[in-house]
Amino acid sequence: TTAEDPEGRPTVLEYVPKTPRVFPCGRLDAETMGLIIL
């Protein structure tokens, strides 16, 4: 749940439209699934 990941893992921003630009509210660790608000 970050905009970029130095390890090259996919980020939540890849799953939503690129415009308008959004950001995640809060975080979930990589292994936890479920609701993220962007």
PDB file of all heavy atoms in Angstrom:
ATOM      1  N   THR A   1       0.835  -1.212   0.000  1.00  0.00           N
ATOM      2  CA  THR A   1       0.000   0.000   0.000  1.00  0.00           C
ATOM      3  C   THR A   1       0.865   1.255   0.000  1.00  0.00           C
ATOM      4  O   THR A   1       0.687   2.150   0.829  1.00  0.00           O
ATOM      5  CB  THR A   1      -0.960   0.006   1.202  1.00  0.00           C
ATOM      6  OG1 THR A   1      -0.205  -0.229   2.404  1.00  0.00           O
ATOM      7  CG2 THR A   1      -2.006  -1.058   1.058  1.00  0.00           C
ATOM      8  N   THR A   2       1.807   1.310  -0.919  1.00  0.00           N
ATOM      9  CA  THR A   2       2.624   2.502  -1.126  1.00  0.00           C
ATOM     10  C   THR A   2       2.566   2.866  -2.603  1.00  0.00           C
ATOM     11  O   THR A   2       2.139   2.061  -3.438  1.00  0.00           O
ATOM     12  CB  THR A   2       4.089   2.258  -0.711  1.00  0.00           C
ATOM     13  OG1 THR A   2       4.587   1.107  -1.419  1.00  0.00           O
ATOM     14  CG2 THR A   2       4.203   2.017   0.782  1.00  0.00           C
ATOM     15  N   ALA A   3       3.008   4.073  -2.920  1.00  0.00           N
ATOM     16  CA  ALA A   3       2.990   4.504  -4.316  1.00  0.00           C
ATOM     17  C   ALA A   3       4.039   3.758  -5.132  1.00  0.00           C
ATOM     18  O   ALA A   3       3.814   3.440  -6.302  1.00  0.00           O
ATOM     19  CB  ALA A   3       3.217   6.009  -4.403  1.00  0.00           C
ATOM     20  N   GLU A   4       5.183   3.485  -4.524  1.00  0.00           N
ATOM     21  CA  GLU A   4       6.263   2.761  -5.186  1.00  0.00           C
ATOM     22  C   GLU A   4       6.853   1.774  -4.206  1.00  0.00           C
ATOM     23  O   GLU A   4       6.767   1.951  -2.988  1.00  0.00           O
ATOM     24  CB  GLU A   4       7.345   3.722  -5.673  1.00  0.00           C
ATOM     25  CG  GLU A   4       6.871   4.734  -6.704  1.00  0.00           C
ATOM     26  CD  GLU A   4       7.978   5.690  -7.112  1.00  0.00           C
ATOM     27  OE1 GLU A   4       9.069   5.616  -6.506  1.00  0.00           O
ATOM     28  OE2 GLU A   4       7.749   6.492  -8.024  1.00  0.00           O
ATOM     29  N   ASP A   5       7.480   0.719  -4.731  1.00  0.00           N
ATOM     30  CA  ASP A   5       8.108  -0.268  -3.861  1.00  0.00           C
ATOM     31  C   ASP A   5       9.509  -0.580  -4.366  1.00  0.00           C
ATOM     32  O   ASP A   5       9.661  -1.012  -5.517  1.00  0.00           O
ATOM     33  CB  ASP A   5       7.273  -1.551  -3.810  1.00  0.00           C
ATOM     34  CG  ASP A   5       7.895  -2.586  -2.882  1.00  0.00           C
ATOM     35  OD1 ASP A   5       8.026  -2.281  -1.681  1.00  0.00           O
ATOM     36  OD2 ASP A   5       8.260  -3.675  -3.358  1.00  0.00           O
ATOM     37  N   PRO A   6      10.536  -0.363  -3.528  1.00  0.00           N
ATOM     38  CA  PRO A   6      11.913  -0.618  -3.964  1.00  0.00           C
ATOM     39  C   PRO A   6      12.176  -2.084  -4.290  1.00  0.00           C
ATOM     40  O   PRO A   6      13.108  -2.401  -5.022  1.00  0.00           O
ATOM     41  CB  PRO A   6      12.759  -0.145  -2.776  1.00  0.00           C
ATOM     42  CG  PRO A   6      11.832  -0.136  -1.604  1.00  0.00           C
ATOM     43  CD  PRO A   6      10.487   0.180  -2.161  1.00  0.00           C
ATOM     44  N   GLU A   7      11.341  -2.979  -3.770  1.00  0.00           N
ATOM     45  CA  GLU A   7      11.514  -4.406  -4.051  1.00  0.00           C
ATOM     46  C   GLU A   7      10.792  -4.844  -5.322  1.00  0.00           C
ATOM     47  O   GLU A   7      10.835  -6.017  -5.703  1.00  0.00           O
ATOM     48  CB  GLU A   7      11.012  -5.232  -2.861  1.00  0.00           C
ATOM     49  CG  GLU A   7      11.761  -4.970  -1.559  1.00  0.00           C
ATOM     50  CD  GLU A   7      11.218  -5.780  -0.407  1.00  0.00           C
ATOM     51  OE1 GLU A   7      10.634  -6.860  -0.666  1.00  0.00           O
ATOM     52  OE2 GLU A   7      11.360  -5.344   0.749  1.00  0.00           O
ATOM     53  N   GLY A   8      10.099  -3.903  -5.951  1.00  0.00           N
ATOM     54  CA  GLY A   8       9.440  -4.222  -7.201  1.00  0.00           C
ATOM     55  C   GLY A   8       8.114  -4.939  -7.076  1.00  0.00           C
ATOM     56  O   GLY A   8       7.584  -5.466  -8.058  1.00  0.00           O
ATOM     57  N   ARG A   9       7.559  -4.973  -5.861  1.00  0.00           N
ATOM     58  CA  ARG A   9       6.266  -5.626  -5.688  1.00  0.00           C
ATOM     59  C   ARG A   9       5.145  -4.744  -6.252  1.00  0.00           C
ATOM     60  O   ARG A   9       5.282  -3.524  -6.316  1.00  0.00           O
ATOM     61  CB  ARG A   9       6.021  -5.902  -4.198  1.00  0.00           C
ATOM     62  CG  ARG A   9       6.965  -6.912  -3.588  1.00  0.00           C
ATOM     63  CD  ARG A   9       6.804  -6.980  -2.078  1.00  0.00           C
ATOM     64  NE  ARG A   9       7.206  -5.729  -1.437  1.00  0.00           N
ATOM     65  CZ  ARG A   9       7.197  -5.524  -0.122  1.00  0.00           C
ATOM     66  NH1 ARG A   9       6.785  -6.492   0.677  1.00  0.00           N
ATOM     67  NH2 ARG A   9       7.587  -4.364   0.368  1.00  0.00           N
ATOM     68  N   PRO A  10       4.034  -5.342  -6.656  1.00  0.00           N
ATOM     69  CA  PRO A  10       2.915  -4.523  -7.149  1.00  0.00           C
ATOM     70  C   PRO A  10       2.352  -3.641  -6.034  1.00  0.00           C
ATOM     71  O   PRO A  10       2.382  -4.018  -4.858  1.00  0.00           O
ATOM     72  CB  PRO A  10       1.889  -5.568  -7.604  1.00  0.00           C
ATOM     73  CG  PRO A  10       2.235  -6.811  -6.850  1.00  0.00           C
ATOM     74  CD  PRO A  10       3.730  -6.782  -6.667  1.00  0.00           C
ATOM     75  N   THR A  11       1.854  -2.473  -6.408  1.00  0.00           N
ATOM     76  CA  THR A  11       1.276  -1.546  -5.441  1.00  0.00           C
ATOM     77  C   THR A  11      -0.215  -1.373  -5.712  1.00  0.00           C
ATOM     78  O   THR A  11      -0.704  -1.681  -6.807  1.00  0.00           O
ATOM     79  CB  THR A  11       1.953  -0.165  -5.506  1.00  0.00           C
ATOM     80  OG1 THR A  11       1.482   0.544  -6.669  1.00  0.00           O
ATOM     81  CG2 THR A  11       3.469  -0.294  -5.572  1.00  0.00           C
ATOM     82  N   VAL A  12      -0.928  -0.863  -4.727  1.00  0.00           N
ATOM     83  CA  VAL A  12      -2.379  -0.689  -4.862  1.00  0.00           C
ATOM     84  C   VAL A  12      -2.740   0.279  -5.984  1.00  0.00           C
ATOM     85  O   VAL A  12      -3.829   0.181  -6.566  1.00  0.00           O
ATOM     86  CB  VAL A  12      -3.003  -0.211  -3.530  1.00  0.00           C
ATOM     87  CG1 VAL A  12      -2.956  -1.311  -2.489  1.00  0.00           C
ATOM     88  CG2 VAL A  12      -2.327   1.058  -3.016  1.00  0.00           C
ATOM     89  N   LEU A  13      -1.820   1.213  -6.311  1.00  0.00           N
ATOM     90  CA  LEU A  13      -2.126   2.188  -7.360  1.00  0.00           C
ATOM     91  C   LEU A  13      -2.232   1.546  -8.739  1.00  0.00           C
ATOM     92  O   LEU A  13      -2.819   2.132  -9.651  1.00  0.00           O
ATOM     93  CB  LEU A  13      -1.052   3.286  -7.384  1.00  0.00           C
ATOM     94  CG  LEU A  13      -0.969   4.166  -6.135  1.00  0.00           C
ATOM     95  CD1 LEU A  13       0.064   5.268  -6.336  1.00  0.00           C
ATOM     96  CD2 LEU A  13      -2.327   4.774  -5.787  1.00  0.00           C
ATOM     97  N   GLU A  14      -1.697   0.335  -8.882  1.00  0.00           N
ATOM     98  CA  GLU A  14      -1.774  -0.355 -10.163  1.00  0.00           C
ATOM     99  C   GLU A  14      -3.164  -0.936 -10.423  1.00  0.00           C
ATOM    100  O   GLU A  14      -3.444  -1.394 -11.532  1.00  0.00           O
ATOM    101  CB  GLU A  14      -0.724  -1.465 -10.217  1.00  0.00           C
ATOM    102  CG  GLU A  14       0.708  -0.939 -10.132  1.00  0.00           C
ATOM    103  CD  GLU A  14       1.732  -2.055 -10.053  1.00  0.00           C
ATOM    104  OE1 GLU A  14       1.440  -3.168 -10.541  1.00  0.00           O
ATOM    105  OE2 GLU A  14       2.818  -1.819  -9.477  1.00  0.00           O
ATOM    106  N   TYR A  15      -4.043  -0.915  -9.413  1.00  0.00           N
ATOM    107  CA  TYR A  15      -5.357  -1.550  -9.539  1.00  0.00           C
ATOM    108  C   TYR A  15      -6.492  -0.552  -9.721  1.00  0.00           C
ATOM    109  O   TYR A  15      -7.650  -0.959  -9.822  1.00  0.00           O
ATOM    110  CB  TYR A  15      -5.630  -2.409  -8.304  1.00  0.00           C
ATOM    111  CG  TYR A  15      -4.754  -3.641  -8.232  1.00  0.00           C
ATOM    112  CD1 TYR A  15      -3.472  -3.580  -7.701  1.00  0.00           C
ATOM    113  CD2 TYR A  15      -5.200  -4.872  -8.713  1.00  0.00           C
ATOM    114  CE1 TYR A  15      -2.663  -4.704  -7.634  1.00  0.00           C
ATOM    115  CE2 TYR A  15      -4.406  -6.002  -8.661  1.00  0.00           C
ATOM    116  CZ  TYR A  15      -3.128  -5.902  -8.116  1.00  0.00           C
ATOM    117  OH  TYR A  15      -2.323  -7.014  -8.065  1.00  0.00           O
ATOM    118  N   VAL A  16      -6.168   0.748  -9.725  1.00  0.00           N
ATOM    119  CA  VAL A  16      -7.204   1.777  -9.873  1.00  0.00           C
ATOM    120  C   VAL A  16      -6.804   2.716 -11.017  1.00  0.00           C
ATOM    121  O   VAL A  16      -5.649   2.715 -11.453  1.00  0.00           O
ATOM    122  CB  VAL A  16      -7.392   2.573  -8.562  1.00  0.00           C
ATOM    123  CG1 VAL A  16      -7.903   1.664  -7.457  1.00  0.00           C
ATOM    124  CG2 VAL A  16      -6.092   3.259  -8.134  1.00  0.00           C
ATOM    125  N   PRO A  17      -7.731   3.533 -11.525  1.00  0.00           N
ATOM    126  CA  PRO A  17      -7.394   4.456 -12.616  1.00  0.00           C
ATOM    127  C   PRO A  17      -6.233   5.380 -12.256  1.00  0.00           C
ATOM    128  O   PRO A  17      -6.067   5.773 -11.103  1.00  0.00           O
ATOM    129  CB  PRO A  17      -8.694   5.242 -12.813  1.00  0.00           C
ATOM    130  CG  PRO A  17      -9.774   4.318 -12.337  1.00  0.00           C
ATOM    131  CD  PRO A  17      -9.172   3.575 -11.186  1.00  0.00           C
ATOM    132  N   LYS A  18      -5.452   5.748 -13.270  1.00  0.00           N
ATOM    133  CA  LYS A  18      -4.284   6.602 -13.036  1.00  0.00           C
ATOM    134  C   LYS A  18      -4.668   8.062 -12.865  1.00  0.00           C
ATOM    135  O   LYS A  18      -3.925   8.855 -12.290  1.00  0.00           O
ATOM    136  CB  LYS A  18      -3.291   6.452 -14.188  1.00  0.00           C
ATOM    137  CG  LYS A  18      -2.715   5.041 -14.308  1.00  0.00           C
ATOM    138  CD  LYS A  18      -1.613   4.985 -15.362  1.00  0.00           C
ATOM    139  CE  LYS A  18      -1.079   3.555 -15.504  1.00  0.00           C
ATOM    140  NZ  LYS A  18      -0.566   3.018 -14.236  1.00  0.00           N
ATOM    141  N   THR A  19      -5.832   8.455 -13.394  1.00  0.00           N
ATOM    142  CA  THR A  19      -6.309   9.825 -13.231  1.00  0.00           C
ATOM    143  C   THR A  19      -7.777   9.794 -12.807  1.00  0.00           C
ATOM    144  O   THR A  19      -8.540   8.963 -13.311  1.00  0.00           O
ATOM    145  CB  THR A  19      -6.177  10.628 -14.544  1.00  0.00           C
ATOM    146  OG1 THR A  19      -6.860   9.949 -15.598  1.00  0.00           O
ATOM    147  CG2 THR A  19      -4.715  10.817 -14.900  1.00  0.00           C
ATOM    148  N   PRO A  20      -8.179  10.664 -11.878  1.00  0.00           N
ATOM    149  CA  PRO A  20      -7.308  11.574 -11.146  1.00  0.00           C
ATOM    150  C   PRO A  20      -6.386  10.801 -10.198  1.00  0.00           C
ATOM    151  O   PRO A  20      -6.698   9.676  -9.790  1.00  0.00           O
ATOM    152  CB  PRO A  20      -8.288  12.458 -10.372  1.00  0.00           C
ATOM    153  CG  PRO A  20      -9.491  11.598 -10.178  1.00  0.00           C
ATOM    154  CD  PRO A  20      -9.590  10.780 -11.421  1.00  0.00           C
ATOM    155  N   ARG A  21      -5.271  11.420  -9.847  1.00  0.00           N
ATOM    156  CA  ARG A  21      -4.303  10.757  -8.987  1.00  0.00           C
ATOM    157  C   ARG A  21      -4.870  10.591  -7.581  1.00  0.00           C
ATOM    158  O   ARG A  21      -5.449  11.524  -7.028  1.00  0.00           O
ATOM    159  CB  ARG A  21      -3.015  11.573  -8.927  1.00  0.00           C
ATOM    160  CG  ARG A  21      -1.903  10.915  -8.134  1.00  0.00           C
ATOM    161  CD  ARG A  21      -0.634  11.716  -8.223  1.00  0.00           C
ATOM    162  NE  ARG A  21       0.433  11.114  -7.428  1.00  0.00           N
ATOM    163  CZ  ARG A  21       1.645  11.623  -7.320  1.00  0.00           C
ATOM    164  NH1 ARG A  21       1.942  12.740  -7.958  1.00  0.00           N
ATOM    165  NH2 ARG A  21       2.554  11.025  -6.585  1.00  0.00           N
ATOM    166  N   VAL A  22      -4.742   9.396  -7.029  1.00  0.00           N
ATOM    167  CA  VAL A  22      -5.246   9.110  -5.685  1.00  0.00           C
ATOM    168  C   VAL A  22      -4.117   8.539  -4.834  1.00  0.00           C
ATOM    169  O   VAL A  22      -3.038   8.217  -5.340  1.00  0.00           O
ATOM    170  CB  VAL A  22      -6.425   8.108  -5.723  1.00  0.00           C
ATOM    171  CG1 VAL A  22      -7.627   8.713  -6.429  1.00  0.00           C
ATOM    172  CG2 VAL A  22      -6.010   6.798  -6.383  1.00  0.00           C
ATOM    173  N   PHE A  23      -4.380   8.408  -3.559  1.00  0.00           N
ATOM    174  CA  PHE A  23      -3.406   7.829  -2.637  1.00  0.00           C
ATOM    175  C   PHE A  23      -4.153   6.984  -1.616  1.00  0.00           C
ATOM    176  O   PHE A  23      -5.339   7.210  -1.338  1.00  0.00           O
ATOM    177  CB  PHE A  23      -2.579   8.918  -1.935  1.00  0.00           C
ATOM    178  CG  PHE A  23      -3.400  10.043  -1.376  1.00  0.00           C
ATOM    179  CD1 PHE A  23      -3.964   9.961  -0.123  1.00  0.00           C
ATOM    180  CD2 PHE A  23      -3.623  11.194  -2.119  1.00  0.00           C
ATOM    181  CE1 PHE A  23      -4.729  10.985   0.398  1.00  0.00           C
ATOM    182  CE2 PHE A  23      -4.392  12.229  -1.607  1.00  0.00           C
ATOM    183  CZ  PHE A  23      -4.942  12.121  -0.343  1.00  0.00           C
ATOM    184  N   PRO A  24      -3.490   5.971  -1.052  1.00  0.00           N
ATOM    185  CA  PRO A  24      -4.156   5.098  -0.084  1.00  0.00           C
ATOM    186  C   PRO A  24      -4.287   5.768   1.280  1.00  0.00           C
ATOM    187  O   PRO A  24      -3.388   6.478   1.729  1.00  0.00           O
ATOM    188  CB  PRO A  24      -3.231   3.877  -0.002  1.00  0.00           C
ATOM    189  CG  PRO A  24      -1.889   4.389  -0.398  1.00  0.00           C
ATOM    190  CD  PRO A  24      -2.131   5.500  -1.389  1.00  0.00           C
ATOM    191  N   CYS A  25      -5.421   5.530   1.928  1.00  0.00           N
ATOM    192  CA  CYS A  25      -5.643   6.016   3.294  1.00  0.00           C
ATOM    193  C   CYS A  25      -5.264   4.897   4.258  1.00  0.00           C
ATOM    194  O   CYS A  25      -6.008   3.910   4.391  1.00  0.00           O
ATOM    195  CB  CYS A  25      -7.095   6.423   3.496  1.00  0.00           C
ATOM    196  SG  CYS A  25      -7.607   7.811   2.477  1.00  0.00           S
ATOM    197  N   GLY A  26      -4.141   5.044   4.912  1.00  0.00           N
ATOM    198  CA  GLY A  26      -3.680   4.004   5.814  1.00  0.00           C
ATOM    199  C   GLY A  26      -3.009   2.881   5.043  1.00  0.00           C
ATOM    200  O   GLY A  26      -2.821   2.952   3.820  1.00  0.00           O
ATOM    201  N   ARG A  27      -2.648   1.824   5.787  1.00  0.00           N
ATOM    202  CA  ARG A  27      -1.896   0.736   5.170  1.00  0.00           C
ATOM    203  C   ARG A  27      -2.400  -0.622   5.632  1.00  0.00           C
ATOM    204  O   ARG A  27      -2.992  -0.741   6.690  1.00  0.00           O
ATOM    205  CB  ARG A  27      -0.406   0.851   5.514  1.00  0.00           C
ATOM    206  CG  ARG A  27       0.292   2.053   4.886  1.00  0.00           C
ATOM    207  CD  ARG A  27       1.789   1.978   5.111  1.00  0.00           C
ATOM    208  NE  ARG A  27       2.468   3.082   4.459  1.00  0.00           N
ATOM    209  CZ  ARG A  27       3.790   3.187   4.372  1.00  0.00           C
ATOM    210  NH1 ARG A  27       4.565   2.257   4.909  1.00  0.00           N
ATOM    211  NH2 ARG A  27       4.344   4.219   3.753  1.00  0.00           N
ATOM    212  N   LEU A  28      -2.128  -1.600   4.800  1.00  0.00           N
ATOM    213  CA  LEU A  28      -2.214  -3.007   5.169  1.00  0.00           C
ATOM    214  C   LEU A  28      -0.865  -3.618   4.812  1.00  0.00           C
ATOM    215  O   LEU A  28      -0.275  -3.260   3.792  1.00  0.00           O
ATOM    216  CB  LEU A  28      -3.314  -3.736   4.395  1.00  0.00           C
ATOM    217  CG  LEU A  28      -4.770  -3.409   4.727  1.00  0.00           C
ATOM    218  CD1 LEU A  28      -5.691  -4.193   3.798  1.00  0.00           C
ATOM    219  CD2 LEU A  28      -5.086  -3.729   6.171  1.00  0.00           C
ATOM    220  N   ASP A  29      -0.385  -4.549   5.640  1.00  0.00           N
ATOM    221  CA  ASP A  29       0.871  -5.190   5.278  1.00  0.00           C
ATOM    222  C   ASP A  29       0.657  -6.050   4.038  1.00  0.00           C
ATOM    223  O   ASP A  29      -0.473  -6.361   3.652  1.00  0.00           O
ATOM    224  CB  ASP A  29       1.432  -6.015   6.446  1.00  0.00           C
ATOM    225  CG  ASP A  29       0.535  -7.178   6.830  1.00  0.00           C
ATOM    226  OD1 ASP A  29       0.453  -8.132   6.050  1.00  0.00           O
ATOM    227  OD2 ASP A  29      -0.079  -7.123   7.924  1.00  0.00           O
ATOM    228  N   ALA A  30       1.751  -6.425   3.402  1.00  0.00           N
ATOM    229  CA  ALA A  30       1.672  -7.098   2.108  1.00  0.00           C
ATOM    230  C   ALA A  30       0.861  -8.389   2.162  1.00  0.00           C
ATOM    231  O   ALA A  30       0.142  -8.730   1.217  1.00  0.00           O
ATOM    232  CB  ALA A  30       3.077  -7.384   1.575  1.00  0.00           C
ATOM    233  N   GLU A  31       0.943  -9.117   3.272  1.00  0.00           N
ATOM    234  CA  GLU A  31       0.262 -10.406   3.368  1.00  0.00           C
ATOM    235  C   GLU A  31      -1.211 -10.288   3.751  1.00  0.00           C
ATOM    236  O   GLU A  31      -1.958 -11.249   3.619  1.00  0.00           O
ATOM    237  CB  GLU A  31       0.992 -11.301   4.385  1.00  0.00           C
ATOM    238  CG  GLU A  31       2.363 -11.759   3.915  1.00  0.00           C
ATOM    239  CD  GLU A  31       2.295 -12.487   2.579  1.00  0.00           C
ATOM    240  OE1 GLU A  31       1.566 -13.490   2.496  1.00  0.00           O
ATOM    241  OE2 GLU A  31       2.949 -12.042   1.623  1.00  0.00           O
ATOM    242  N   THR A  32      -1.622  -9.122   4.246  1.00  0.00           N
ATOM    243  CA  THR A  32      -3.023  -8.923   4.618  1.00  0.00           C
ATOM    244  C   THR A  32      -3.819  -8.464   3.405  1.00  0.00           C
ATOM    245  O   THR A  32      -3.385  -7.588   2.653  1.00  0.00           O
ATOM    246  CB  THR A  32      -3.152  -7.902   5.747  1.00  0.00           C
ATOM    247  OG1 THR A  32      -2.443  -8.380   6.891  1.00  0.00           O
ATOM    248  CG2 THR A  32      -4.606  -7.678   6.127  1.00  0.00           C
ATOM    249  N   MET A  33      -4.979  -9.043   3.226  1.00  0.00           N
ATOM    250  CA  MET A  33      -5.832  -8.727   2.083  1.00  0.00           C
ATOM    251  C   MET A  33      -6.980  -7.819   2.523  1.00  0.00           C
ATOM    252  O   MET A  33      -7.156  -7.534   3.695  1.00  0.00           O
ATOM    253  CB  MET A  33      -6.372 -10.030   1.482  1.00  0.00           C
ATOM    254  CG  MET A  33      -5.278 -10.973   1.008  1.00  0.00           C
ATOM    255  SD  MET A  33      -5.865 -12.650   0.654  1.00  0.00           S
ATOM    256  CE  MET A  33      -6.100 -13.275   2.312  1.00  0.00           C
ATOM    257  N   GLY A  34      -7.753  -7.387   1.533  1.00  0.00           N
ATOM    258  CA  GLY A  34      -8.988  -6.710   1.866  1.00  0.00           C
ATOM    259  C   GLY A  34      -9.028  -5.228   1.585  1.00  0.00           C
ATOM    260  O   GLY A  34      -8.307  -4.716   0.725  1.00  0.00           O
ATOM    261  N   LEU A  35      -9.879  -4.555   2.315  1.00  0.00           N
ATOM    262  CA  LEU A  35     -10.299  -3.194   2.000  1.00  0.00           C
ATOM    263  C   LEU A  35      -9.200  -2.155   2.179  1.00  0.00           C
ATOM    264  O   LEU A  35      -8.661  -1.983   3.266  1.00  0.00           O
ATOM    265  CB  LEU A  35     -11.497  -2.818   2.880  1.00  0.00           C
ATOM    266  CG  LEU A  35     -12.079  -1.412   2.671  1.00  0.00           C
ATOM    267  CD1 LEU A  35     -12.569  -1.241   1.238  1.00  0.00           C
ATOM    268  CD2 LEU A  35     -13.211  -1.163   3.657  1.00  0.00           C
ATOM    269  N   ILE A  36      -8.888  -1.472   1.084  1.00  0.00           N
ATOM    270  CA  ILE A  36      -8.046  -0.286   1.090  1.00  0.00           C
ATOM    271  C   ILE A  36      -8.853   0.838   0.448  1.00  0.00           C
ATOM    272  O   ILE A  36      -9.467   0.646  -0.615  1.00  0.00           O
ATOM    273  CB  ILE A  36      -6.735  -0.503   0.311  1.00  0.00           C
ATOM    274  CG1 ILE A  36      -5.745  -1.283   1.163  1.00  0.00           C
ATOM    275  CG2 ILE A  36      -6.104   0.815  -0.109  1.00  0.00           C
ATOM    276  CD1 ILE A  36      -5.110  -0.486   2.289  1.00  0.00           C
ATOM    277  N   ILE A  37      -8.849   1.991   1.082  1.00  0.00           N
ATOM    278  CA  ILE A  37      -9.542   3.158   0.536  1.00  0.00           C
ATOM    279  C   ILE A  37      -8.514   4.051  -0.138  1.00  0.00           C
ATOM    280  O   ILE A  37      -7.507   4.425   0.466  1.00  0.00           O
ATOM    281  CB  ILE A  37     -10.275   3.930   1.650  1.00  0.00           C
ATOM    282  CG1 ILE A  37     -11.326   3.027   2.301  1.00  0.00           C
ATOM    283  CG2 ILE A  37     -10.927   5.198   1.098  1.00  0.00           C
ATOM    284  CD1 ILE A  37     -11.897   3.581   3.593  1.00  0.00           C
ATOM    285  N   LEU A  38      -8.750   4.378  -1.402  1.00  0.00           N
ATOM    286  CA  LEU A  38      -7.888   5.286  -2.147  1.00  0.00           C
ATOM    287  C   LEU A  38      -8.709   6.486  -2.575  1.00  0.00           C
ATOM    288  O   LEU A  38      -9.851   6.342  -3.045  1.00  0.00           O
ATOM    289  CB  LEU A  38      -7.277   4.607  -3.367  1.00  0.00           C
ATOM    290  CG  LEU A  38      -6.392   3.397  -3.074  1.00  0.00           C
ATOM    291  CD1 LEU A  38      -7.143   2.114  -3.369  1.00  0.00           C
ATOM    292  CD2 LEU A  38      -5.099   3.446  -3.859  1.00  0.00           C
TER     293      LEU A  38
END
